Amino acid sequence: MASTLASSRFSRRFGLSTPIALAPMALAAGGELAAACARAGALGLVGGGYGDLAWTQRETRIALERGPRERIGCGFITWKLDEDASALDWALEQRPRAVMLSFGDPRPYAARIARSGAALVCQVQRMAQVPQAIEAGAQVIVAQGAEAGGHGMDALNGRATIAFVPELADWLAGHAPDVLLLAAGGIADGRTLAAARVLGADGALVGSRLWATRESLAQEGAKRLALETDGDGTARSAVFDILRRKNWPAPYDFRAIRNALHRQWEARVDALRAGPEAARAEYDAGVKAGDFTKAHATVGEAVGLVRDLPGAEELVARMTREAAAILGG
């Protein structure tokens, strides 16, 4: 039954045994996690995130040493590359299997990615962004629903995975049939992986569920909090970006666990933005102490499906086995 997933277009094109890609979560999707996913037959994307060169070098080397090179790639925040693309340039010298770009115009980077031989993966949150990704030469488009953890479109602009994916699948079938589609946002077990395939996606980009694994670089206190949190317990806002001094452009904001500090400011975001000093000091103290009533834990609505902290290889195998049983049945 697992052949149902191994035969997906995404699996076949990238030499995978399961149509799963690790979301390149900044500071969480390090080399150990990417390598474990790659060993399990998925595509392991190191979270290059904000383009920290030293971090990208260290974690990419770990991934390449401990996982099959042909299943290792990386991902970056596009608008940060506009400020400094040195981490991308270094990563391309390592000949990654794929490079994922999110949150900005991918076209300025398309030619150098193509020259490296890496497949370009572009994440989008709205239909209006898709033609730009196609123009950039994306081989894979990720449809990110607003359920996803971390950064995504705000409540005014974001789409729900269950409606966004089939609409985009239909559009690609008519306009760019060779471009592959991954679903993202809420994919956390075999049922949701199978649902992504039924909705028309060639596979899934998995973030929050792989964040909650042994190899993830997320702090143990954050992971333990995730085990105690259901899907009602996250919120999307600008609060943690302001507290972390991250100048994200509109219309993007950040989903994380709705802890005590977030609740204190979520209805007063403008006031927080106007005078963040005291709240930032409180947040910084929470980070230093590992106190997640103040520090953030970056997960999406799928946290309600997180009930253990397995190894990533075990988790990928479990999701694949469950999805194959559903699709085969």
Foldseek 3Di string as FASTA:
>chain_A
DLVVQCPFPCNVVLVFSGQEEADQDPQWLFQLLLQLCQQLRAQRAHNCELPPQVRLVVRQVSNVVRHPQSRYHYEYEVVSVVVPVPNVVVRLVSLHQAYEYEHDQCQVPLVSNVVSVHAYEYEDFDPVCVVSCVVSPHQEYEHEAPLWWFKDFDPVRGHHQLPRLLVVLVVCVVPPVRRAYAYHHLPAAQVSQLSSVVSRHSTYHDYQNSSLAPRTSPDPLLNVVLLVDALVFKDWDAVVCLLVVNPRDPPMTGIWGCAQLNVVPVVPVVVCNVPVVVLSVQLVVCVVVVNCSRHTRTGGSNSNVHNHHYHSSVRVVRSSVSNCVVVVD
